[in-house]
Amino acid sequence: MAKSSPEKLAYNTKYESSPAQVKKREERNRARALEMKAGKVKKGDNKEVDHIKMLDAGGKNVKKNLRVVPEKVNRSWRDEHGKQYGKNK
């Protein structure tokens, strides 16, 4: 992992504490808690809860919009669909 500059660290801290980002993080945590309660994921299992329709696109935290996928699959999604996040791919 590359070292962060103090400026970048300050920016990230400010960004992550913005009300919009706090709300999104709460929604993601709530989704994982739902799947943990259902027994589909547990701490340290390298699985993540994915929203089929992204929260940014109007998706909701309901069971029919959630799925459990391996961490590698969930985190590689942006590499394949980068245009939605400003990448030139």
PDB file of N, CA and C in Angstrom:
ATOM      1  N   MET A   1       0.840  -1.174   0.000  1.00  0.00           N
ATOM      2  CA  MET A   1       0.000   0.000   0.000  1.00  0.00           C
ATOM      3  C   MET A   1       0.888   1.241   0.000  1.00  0.00           C
ATOM      4  N   ALA A   2       0.569   2.175  -0.830  1.00  0.00           N
ATOM      5  CA  ALA A   2       1.348   3.405  -0.936  1.00  0.00           C
ATOM      6  C   ALA A   2       1.068   4.305   0.262  1.00  0.00           C
ATOM      7  N   LYS A   3       2.068   5.056   0.655  1.00  0.00           N
ATOM      8  CA  LYS A   3       1.902   5.995   1.761  1.00  0.00           C
ATOM      9  C   LYS A   3       1.076   7.187   1.307  1.00  0.00           C
ATOM     10  N   SER A   4       0.264   7.688   2.198  1.00  0.00           N
ATOM     11  CA  SER A   4      -0.562   8.851   1.898  1.00  0.00           C
ATOM     12  C   SER A   4       0.115  10.119   2.388  1.00  0.00           C
ATOM     13  N   SER A   5      -0.019  11.153   1.625  1.00  0.00           N
ATOM     14  CA  SER A   5       0.497  12.441   2.059  1.00  0.00           C
ATOM     15  C   SER A   5      -0.448  13.009   3.118  1.00  0.00           C
ATOM     16  N   PRO A   6       0.047  13.903   3.945  1.00  0.00           N
ATOM     17  CA  PRO A   6      -0.832  14.522   4.956  1.00  0.00           C
ATOM     18  C   PRO A   6      -2.028  15.233   4.326  1.00  0.00           C
ATOM     19  N   GLU A   7      -1.808  15.843   3.144  1.00  0.00           N
ATOM     20  CA  GLU A   7      -2.914  16.537   2.477  1.00  0.00           C
ATOM     21  C   GLU A   7      -3.992  15.557   2.035  1.00  0.00           C
ATOM     22  N   LYS A   8      -3.558  14.425   1.481  1.00  0.00           N
ATOM     23  CA  LYS A   8      -4.522  13.430   1.019  1.00  0.00           C
ATOM     24  C   LYS A   8      -5.264  12.817   2.200  1.00  0.00           C
ATOM     25  N   LEU A   9      -4.554  12.556   3.266  1.00  0.00           N
ATOM     26  CA  LEU A   9      -5.174  12.013   4.463  1.00  0.00           C
ATOM     27  C   LEU A   9      -6.217  12.987   5.019  1.00  0.00           C
ATOM     28  N   ALA A  10      -5.893  14.261   5.051  1.00  0.00           N
ATOM     29  CA  ALA A  10      -6.842  15.265   5.535  1.00  0.00           C
ATOM     30  C   ALA A  10      -8.066  15.327   4.634  1.00  0.00           C
ATOM     31  N   TYR A  11      -7.855  15.260   3.306  1.00  0.00           N
ATOM     32  CA  TYR A  11      -8.978  15.280   2.364  1.00  0.00           C
ATOM     33  C   TYR A  11      -9.874  14.067   2.586  1.00  0.00           C
ATOM     34  N   ASN A  12      -9.258  12.871   2.678  1.00  0.00           N
ATOM     35  CA  ASN A  12     -10.037  11.648   2.861  1.00  0.00           C
ATOM     36  C   ASN A  12     -10.827  11.676   4.162  1.00  0.00           C
ATOM     37  N   THR A  13     -10.211  12.180   5.214  1.00  0.00           N
ATOM     38  CA  THR A  13     -10.900  12.271   6.502  1.00  0.00           C
ATOM     39  C   THR A  13     -12.108  13.188   6.400  1.00  0.00           C
ATOM     40  N   LYS A  14     -11.932  14.325   5.754  1.00  0.00           N
ATOM     41  CA  LYS A  14     -13.038  15.275   5.590  1.00  0.00           C
ATOM     42  C   LYS A  14     -14.139  14.667   4.719  1.00  0.00           C
ATOM     43  N   TYR A  15     -13.735  14.007   3.628  1.00  0.00           N
ATOM     44  CA  TYR A  15     -14.697  13.402   2.705  1.00  0.00           C
ATOM     45  C   TYR A  15     -15.499  12.303   3.398  1.00  0.00           C
ATOM     46  N   GLU A  16     -14.809  11.417   4.099  1.00  0.00           N
ATOM     47  CA  GLU A  16     -15.487  10.291   4.746  1.00  0.00           C
ATOM     48  C   GLU A  16     -16.389  10.719   5.894  1.00  0.00           C
ATOM     49  N   SER A  17     -16.154  11.910   6.444  1.00  0.00           N
ATOM     50  CA  SER A  17     -16.998  12.372   7.532  1.00  0.00           C
ATOM     51  C   SER A  17     -18.146  13.264   7.052  1.00  0.00           C
ATOM     52  N   SER A  18     -18.249  13.462   5.739  1.00  0.00           N
ATOM     53  CA  SER A  18     -19.351  14.275   5.224  1.00  0.00           C
ATOM     54  C   SER A  18     -20.674  13.535   5.451  1.00  0.00           C
ATOM     55  N   PRO A  19     -21.749  14.258   5.667  1.00  0.00           N
ATOM     56  CA  PRO A  19     -23.039  13.616   5.953  1.00  0.00           C
ATOM     57  C   PRO A  19     -23.468  12.602   4.887  1.00  0.00           C
ATOM     58  N   ALA A  20     -23.209  12.891   3.628  1.00  0.00           N
ATOM     59  CA  ALA A  20     -23.612  11.961   2.564  1.00  0.00           C
ATOM     60  C   ALA A  20     -22.838  10.645   2.668  1.00  0.00           C
ATOM     61  N   GLN A  21     -21.531  10.724   2.937  1.00  0.00           N
ATOM     62  CA  GLN A  21     -20.720   9.514   3.042  1.00  0.00           C
ATOM     63  C   GLN A  21     -21.050   8.731   4.312  1.00  0.00           C
ATOM     64  N   VAL A  22     -21.355   9.430   5.380  1.00  0.00           N
ATOM     65  CA  VAL A  22     -21.744   8.755   6.622  1.00  0.00           C
ATOM     66  C   VAL A  22     -23.026   7.962   6.385  1.00  0.00           C
ATOM     67  N   LYS A  23     -23.988   8.573   5.688  1.00  0.00           N
ATOM     68  CA  LYS A  23     -25.257   7.895   5.398  1.00  0.00           C
ATOM     69  C   LYS A  23     -25.029   6.654   4.541  1.00  0.00           C
ATOM     70  N   LYS A  24     -24.174   6.758   3.518  1.00  0.00           N
ATOM     71  CA  LYS A  24     -23.889   5.601   2.664  1.00  0.00           C
ATOM     72  C   LYS A  24     -23.219   4.483   3.462  1.00  0.00           C
ATOM     73  N   ARG A  25     -22.277   4.848   4.333  1.00  0.00           N
ATOM     74  CA  ARG A  25     -21.596   3.852   5.146  1.00  0.00           C
ATOM     75  C   ARG A  25     -22.582   3.163   6.082  1.00  0.00           C
ATOM     76  N   GLU A  26     -23.509   3.928   6.665  1.00  0.00           N
ATOM     77  CA  GLU A  26     -24.533   3.350   7.525  1.00  0.00           C
ATOM     78  C   GLU A  26     -25.385   2.342   6.754  1.00  0.00           C
ATOM     79  N   GLU A  27     -25.741   2.687   5.524  1.00  0.00           N
ATOM     80  CA  GLU A  27     -26.548   1.782   4.697  1.00  0.00           C
ATOM     81  C   GLU A  27     -25.786   0.483   4.392  1.00  0.00           C
ATOM     82  N   ARG A  28     -24.496   0.612   4.053  1.00  0.00           N
ATOM     83  CA  ARG A  28     -23.692  -0.588   3.780  1.00  0.00           C
ATOM     84  C   ARG A  28     -23.559  -1.457   5.031  1.00  0.00           C
ATOM     85  N   ASN A  29     -23.340  -0.832   6.171  1.00  0.00           N
ATOM     86  CA  ASN A  29     -23.230  -1.580   7.425  1.00  0.00           C
ATOM     87  C   ASN A  29     -24.550  -2.262   7.779  1.00  0.00           C
ATOM     88  N   ARG A  30     -25.657  -1.575   7.526  1.00  0.00           N
ATOM     89  CA  ARG A  30     -26.973  -2.139   7.797  1.00  0.00           C
ATOM     90  C   ARG A  30     -27.229  -3.359   6.908  1.00  0.00           C
ATOM     91  N   ALA A  31     -26.800  -3.287   5.650  1.00  0.00           N
ATOM     92  CA  ALA A  31     -26.975  -4.407   4.730  1.00  0.00           C
ATOM     93  C   ALA A  31     -26.180  -5.620   5.208  1.00  0.00           C
ATOM     94  N   ARG A  32     -24.938  -5.406   5.624  1.00  0.00           N
ATOM     95  CA  ARG A  32     -24.135  -6.520   6.123  1.00  0.00           C
ATOM     96  C   ARG A  32     -24.754  -7.112   7.386  1.00  0.00           C
ATOM     97  N   ALA A  33     -25.277  -6.267   8.272  1.00  0.00           N
ATOM     98  CA  ALA A  33     -25.906  -6.754   9.493  1.00  0.00           C
ATOM     99  C   ALA A  33     -27.112  -7.640   9.179  1.00  0.00           C
ATOM    100  N   LEU A  34     -27.886  -7.262   8.162  1.00  0.00           N
ATOM    101  CA  LEU A  34     -29.029  -8.085   7.750  1.00  0.00           C
ATOM    102  C   LEU A  34     -28.584  -9.476   7.307  1.00  0.00           C
ATOM    103  N   GLU A  35     -27.525  -9.519   6.507  1.00  0.00           N
ATOM    104  CA  GLU A  35     -27.042 -10.807   6.001  1.00  0.00           C
ATOM    105  C   GLU A  35     -26.353 -11.620   7.096  1.00  0.00           C
ATOM    106  N   MET A  36     -25.726 -10.952   8.044  1.00  0.00           N
ATOM    107  CA  MET A  36     -25.134 -11.661   9.185  1.00  0.00           C
ATOM    108  C   MET A  36     -26.232 -12.306  10.021  1.00  0.00           C
ATOM    109  N   LYS A  37     -27.307 -11.576  10.241  1.00  0.00           N
ATOM    110  CA  LYS A  37     -28.428 -12.093  11.021  1.00  0.00           C
ATOM    111  C   LYS A  37     -29.047 -13.308  10.336  1.00  0.00           C
ATOM    112  N   ALA A  38     -29.044 -13.290   9.000  1.00  0.00           N
ATOM    113  CA  ALA A  38     -29.591 -14.410   8.227  1.00  0.00           C
ATOM    114  C   ALA A  38     -28.600 -15.577   8.133  1.00  0.00           C
ATOM    115  N   GLY A  39     -27.374 -15.371   8.614  1.00  0.00           N
ATOM    116  CA  GLY A  39     -26.381 -16.441   8.609  1.00  0.00           C
ATOM    117  C   GLY A  39     -25.650 -16.614   7.294  1.00  0.00           C
ATOM    118  N   LYS A  40     -25.740 -15.646   6.401  1.00  0.00           N
ATOM    119  CA  LYS A  40     -25.114 -15.769   5.083  1.00  0.00           C
ATOM    120  C   LYS A  40     -23.664 -15.314   5.074  1.00  0.00           C
ATOM    121  N   VAL A  41     -23.278 -14.442   5.992  1.00  0.00           N
ATOM    122  CA  VAL A  41     -21.895 -13.974   6.100  1.00  0.00           C
ATOM    123  C   VAL A  41     -21.503 -13.962   7.570  1.00  0.00           C
ATOM    124  N   LYS A  42     -20.193 -14.000   7.791  1.00  0.00           N
ATOM    125  CA  LYS A  42     -19.691 -13.852   9.148  1.00  0.00           C
ATOM    126  C   LYS A  42     -18.346 -13.153   9.081  1.00  0.00           C
ATOM    127  N   LYS A  43     -17.896 -12.663  10.193  1.00  0.00           N
ATOM    128  CA  LYS A  43     -16.648 -11.918  10.258  1.00  0.00           C
ATOM    129  C   LYS A  43     -15.484 -12.799   9.810  1.00  0.00           C
ATOM    130  N   GLY A  44     -14.669 -12.267   8.899  1.00  0.00           N
ATOM    131  CA  GLY A  44     -13.475 -12.965   8.449  1.00  0.00           C
ATOM    132  C   GLY A  44     -13.701 -14.003   7.365  1.00  0.00           C
ATOM    133  N   ASP A  45     -14.870 -14.059   6.743  1.00  0.00           N
ATOM    134  CA  ASP A  45     -15.142 -15.083   5.736  1.00  0.00           C
ATOM    135  C   ASP A  45     -14.786 -14.660   4.308  1.00  0.00           C
ATOM    136  N   ASN A  46     -14.224 -13.454   4.142  1.00  0.00           N
ATOM    137  CA  ASN A  46     -13.840 -12.916   2.826  1.00  0.00           C
ATOM    138  C   ASN A  46     -15.019 -12.815   1.870  1.00  0.00           C
ATOM    139  N   LYS A  47     -16.186 -12.587   2.404  1.00  0.00           N
ATOM    140  CA  LYS A  47     -17.379 -12.364   1.589  1.00  0.00           C
ATOM    141  C   LYS A  47     -17.887 -10.957   1.872  1.00  0.00           C
ATOM    142  N   GLU A  48     -18.532 -10.379   0.872  1.00  0.00           N
ATOM    143  CA  GLU A  48     -19.094  -9.043   1.029  1.00  0.00           C
ATOM    144  C   GLU A  48     -20.540  -9.044   0.579  1.00  0.00           C
ATOM    145  N   VAL A  49     -21.297  -8.125   1.121  1.00  0.00           N
ATOM    146  CA  VAL A  49     -22.694  -7.961   0.739  1.00  0.00           C
ATOM    147  C   VAL A  49     -22.733  -6.915  -0.362  1.00  0.00           C
ATOM    148  N   ASP A  50     -23.280  -7.314  -1.496  1.00  0.00           N
ATOM    149  CA  ASP A  50     -23.336  -6.469  -2.680  1.00  0.00           C
ATOM    150  C   ASP A  50     -24.772  -6.049  -2.922  1.00  0.00           C
ATOM    151  N   HIS A  51     -24.961  -4.804  -3.301  1.00  0.00           N
ATOM    152  CA  HIS A  51     -26.282  -4.331  -3.703  1.00  0.00           C
ATOM    153  C   HIS A  51     -26.415  -4.592  -5.201  1.00  0.00           C
ATOM    154  N   ILE A  52     -27.407  -5.340  -5.612  1.00  0.00           N
ATOM    155  CA  ILE A  52     -27.617  -5.643  -7.025  1.00  0.00           C
ATOM    156  C   ILE A  52     -27.825  -4.339  -7.794  1.00  0.00           C
ATOM    157  N   LYS A  53     -28.722  -3.505  -7.302  1.00  0.00           N
ATOM    158  CA  LYS A  53     -28.865  -2.145  -7.832  1.00  0.00           C
ATOM    159  C   LYS A  53     -28.166  -1.242  -6.827  1.00  0.00           C
ATOM    160  N   MET A  54     -27.116  -0.565  -7.267  1.00  0.00           N
ATOM    161  CA  MET A  54     -26.298   0.253  -6.371  1.00  0.00           C
ATOM    162  C   MET A  54     -27.122   1.298  -5.631  1.00  0.00           C
ATOM    163  N   LEU A  55     -26.693   1.605  -4.419  1.00  0.00           N
ATOM    164  CA  LEU A  55     -27.358   2.650  -3.647  1.00  0.00           C
ATOM    165  C   LEU A  55     -27.314   3.977  -4.386  1.00  0.00           C
ATOM    166  N   ASP A  56     -26.180   4.253  -5.064  1.00  0.00           N
ATOM    167  CA  ASP A  56     -26.043   5.492  -5.836  1.00  0.00           C
ATOM    168  C   ASP A  56     -27.053   5.583  -6.974  1.00  0.00           C
ATOM    169  N   ALA A  57     -27.511   4.422  -7.460  1.00  0.00           N
ATOM    170  CA  ALA A  57     -28.452   4.387  -8.575  1.00  0.00           C
ATOM    171  C   ALA A  57     -29.896   4.240  -8.091  1.00  0.00           C
ATOM    172  N   GLY A  58     -30.107   4.396  -6.793  1.00  0.00           N
ATOM    173  CA  GLY A  58     -31.461   4.318  -6.264  1.00  0.00           C
ATOM    174  C   GLY A  58     -31.821   2.984  -5.657  1.00  0.00           C
ATOM    175  N   GLY A  59     -30.860   2.092  -5.499  1.00  0.00           N
ATOM    176  CA  GLY A  59     -31.114   0.795  -4.876  1.00  0.00           C
ATOM    177  C   GLY A  59     -31.436   0.949  -3.402  1.00  0.00           C
ATOM    178  N   LYS A  60     -32.108  -0.040  -2.868  1.00  0.00           N
ATOM    179  CA  LYS A  60     -32.528   0.005  -1.462  1.00  0.00           C
ATOM    180  C   LYS A  60     -31.875  -1.135  -0.683  1.00  0.00           C
ATOM    181  N   ASN A  61     -31.939  -1.049   0.624  1.00  0.00           N
ATOM    182  CA  ASN A  61     -31.425  -2.082   1.517  1.00  0.00           C
ATOM    183  C   ASN A  61     -32.542  -3.072   1.837  1.00  0.00           C
ATOM    184  N   VAL A  62     -32.975  -3.805   0.848  1.00  0.00           N
ATOM    185  CA  VAL A  62     -33.986  -4.844   1.042  1.00  0.00           C
ATOM    186  C   VAL A  62     -33.388  -6.166   0.589  1.00  0.00           C
ATOM    187  N   LYS A  63     -33.866  -7.261   1.161  1.00  0.00           N
ATOM    188  CA  LYS A  63     -33.275  -8.574   0.880  1.00  0.00           C
ATOM    189  C   LYS A  63     -33.190  -8.901  -0.604  1.00  0.00           C
ATOM    190  N   LYS A  64     -34.190  -8.532  -1.387  1.00  0.00           N
ATOM    191  CA  LYS A  64     -34.159  -8.877  -2.812  1.00  0.00           C
ATOM    192  C   LYS A  64     -33.115  -8.080  -3.586  1.00  0.00           C
ATOM    193  N   ASN A  65     -32.562  -7.018  -2.988  1.00  0.00           N
ATOM    194  CA  ASN A  65     -31.528  -6.231  -3.656  1.00  0.00           C
ATOM    195  C   ASN A  65     -30.130  -6.555  -3.129  1.00  0.00           C
ATOM    196  N   LEU A  66     -30.019  -7.510  -2.225  1.00  0.00           N
ATOM    197  CA  LEU A  66     -28.731  -7.862  -1.643  1.00  0.00           C
ATOM    198  C   LEU A  66     -28.303  -9.254  -2.086  1.00  0.00           C
ATOM    199  N   ARG A  67     -26.990  -9.409  -2.250  1.00  0.00           N
ATOM    200  CA  ARG A  67     -26.437 -10.728  -2.531  1.00  0.00           C
ATOM    201  C   ARG A  67     -25.054 -10.805  -1.892  1.00  0.00           C
ATOM    202  N   VAL A  68     -24.645 -12.021  -1.582  1.00  0.00           N
ATOM    203  CA  VAL A  68     -23.340 -12.241  -0.984  1.00  0.00           C
ATOM    204  C   VAL A  68     -22.397 -12.704  -2.084  1.00  0.00           C
ATOM    205  N   VAL A  69     -21.271 -12.014  -2.214  1.00  0.00           N
ATOM    206  CA  VAL A  69     -20.282 -12.358  -3.241  1.00  0.00           C
ATOM    207  C   VAL A  69     -18.898 -12.381  -2.603  1.00  0.00           C
ATOM    208  N   PRO A  70     -17.956 -13.103  -3.217  1.00  0.00           N
ATOM    209  CA  PRO A  70     -16.586 -13.073  -2.708  1.00  0.00           C
ATOM    210  C   PRO A  70     -16.006 -11.662  -2.788  1.00  0.00           C
ATOM    211  N   GLU A  71     -15.146 -11.341  -1.859  1.00  0.00           N
ATOM    212  CA  GLU A  71     -14.523 -10.012  -1.805  1.00  0.00           C
ATOM    213  C   GLU A  71     -13.878  -9.648  -3.133  1.00  0.00           C
ATOM    214  N   LYS A  72     -13.179 -10.590  -3.740  1.00  0.00           N
ATOM    215  CA  LYS A  72     -12.465 -10.328  -4.999  1.00  0.00           C
ATOM    216  C   LYS A  72     -13.436  -9.926  -6.117  1.00  0.00           C
ATOM    217  N   VAL A  73     -14.574 -10.569  -6.167  1.00  0.00           N
ATOM    218  CA  VAL A  73     -15.580 -10.252  -7.193  1.00  0.00           C
ATOM    219  C   VAL A  73     -16.150  -8.857  -6.968  1.00  0.00           C
ATOM    220  N   ASN A  74     -16.487  -8.540  -5.738  1.00  0.00           N
ATOM    221  CA  ASN A  74     -17.105  -7.254  -5.434  1.00  0.00           C
ATOM    222  C   ASN A  74     -16.148  -6.094  -5.682  1.00  0.00           C
ATOM    223  N   ARG A  75     -14.884  -6.281  -5.371  1.00  0.00           N
ATOM    224  CA  ARG A  75     -13.927  -5.179  -5.505  1.00  0.00           C
ATOM    225  C   ARG A  75     -13.362  -5.043  -6.906  1.00  0.00           C
ATOM    226  N   SER A  76     -13.551  -6.031  -7.768  1.00  0.00           N
ATOM    227  CA  SER A  76     -13.065  -5.918  -9.141  1.00  0.00           C
ATOM    228  C   SER A  76     -14.128  -5.337 -10.066  1.00  0.00           C
ATOM    229  N   TRP A  77     -15.295  -5.092  -9.555  1.00  0.00           N
ATOM    230  CA  TRP A  77     -16.401  -4.604 -10.361  1.00  0.00           C
ATOM    231  C   TRP A  77     -16.060  -3.284 -11.043  1.00  0.00           C
ATOM    232  N   ARG A  78     -15.414  -2.387 -10.341  1.00  0.00           N
ATOM    233  CA  ARG A  78     -15.099  -1.078 -10.918  1.00  0.00           C
ATOM    234  C   ARG A  78     -14.102  -1.188 -12.057  1.00  0.00           C
ATOM    235  N   ASP A  79     -13.239  -2.200 -12.040  1.00  0.00           N
ATOM    236  CA  ASP A  79     -12.308  -2.389 -13.147  1.00  0.00           C
ATOM    237  C   ASP A  79     -13.066  -2.698 -14.437  1.00  0.00           C
ATOM    238  N   GLU A  80     -14.154  -3.428 -14.326  1.00  0.00           N
ATOM    239  CA  GLU A  80     -14.941  -3.814 -15.501  1.00  0.00           C
ATOM    240  C   GLU A  80     -15.962  -2.746 -15.896  1.00  0.00           C
ATOM    241  N   HIS A  81     -16.428  -1.974 -14.958  1.00  0.00           N
ATOM    242  CA  HIS A  81     -17.479  -0.978 -15.209  1.00  0.00           C
ATOM    243  C   HIS A  81     -17.025   0.407 -14.806  1.00  0.00           C
ATOM    244  N   GLY A  82     -15.777   0.735 -15.110  1.00  0.00           N
ATOM    245  CA  GLY A  82     -15.170   1.972 -14.652  1.00  0.00           C
ATOM    246  C   GLY A  82     -15.777   3.247 -15.182  1.00  0.00           C
ATOM    247  N   LYS A  83     -16.434   3.198 -16.309  1.00  0.00           N
ATOM    248  CA  LYS A  83     -17.001   4.430 -16.886  1.00  0.00           C
ATOM    249  C   LYS A  83     -17.989   5.086 -15.925  1.00  0.00           C
ATOM    250  N   GLN A  84     -18.656   4.286 -15.130  1.00  0.00           N
ATOM    251  CA  GLN A  84     -19.614   4.850 -14.176  1.00  0.00           C
ATOM    252  C   GLN A  84     -18.903   5.598 -13.052  1.00  0.00           C
ATOM    253  N   TYR A  85     -17.587   5.393 -12.926  1.00  0.00           N
ATOM    254  CA  TYR A  85     -16.834   6.037 -11.858  1.00  0.00           C
ATOM    255  C   TYR A  85     -15.700   6.898 -12.405  1.00  0.00           C
ATOM    256  N   GLY A  86     -15.808   7.317 -13.659  1.00  0.00           N
ATOM    257  CA  GLY A  86     -14.845   8.246 -14.218  1.00  0.00           C
ATOM    258  C   GLY A  86     -13.581   7.642 -14.764  1.00  0.00           C
ATOM    259  N   LYS A  87     -13.487   6.314 -14.835  1.00  0.00           N
ATOM    260  CA  LYS A  87     -12.317   5.695 -15.424  1.00  0.00           C
ATOM    261  C   LYS A  87     -12.519   5.599 -16.938  1.00  0.00           C
ATOM    262  N   ASN A  88     -11.440   5.642 -17.687  1.00  0.00           N
ATOM    263  CA  ASN A  88     -11.527   5.588 -19.142  1.00  0.00           C
ATOM    264  C   ASN A  88     -11.360   4.165 -19.653  1.00  0.00           C
ATOM    265  N   LYS A  89     -12.203   3.289 -19.229  1.00  0.00           N
ATOM    266  CA  LYS A  89     -12.109   1.902 -19.677  1.00  0.00           C
ATOM    267  C   LYS A  89     -13.363   1.503 -20.400  1.00  0.00           C
TER     268      LYS A  89
END
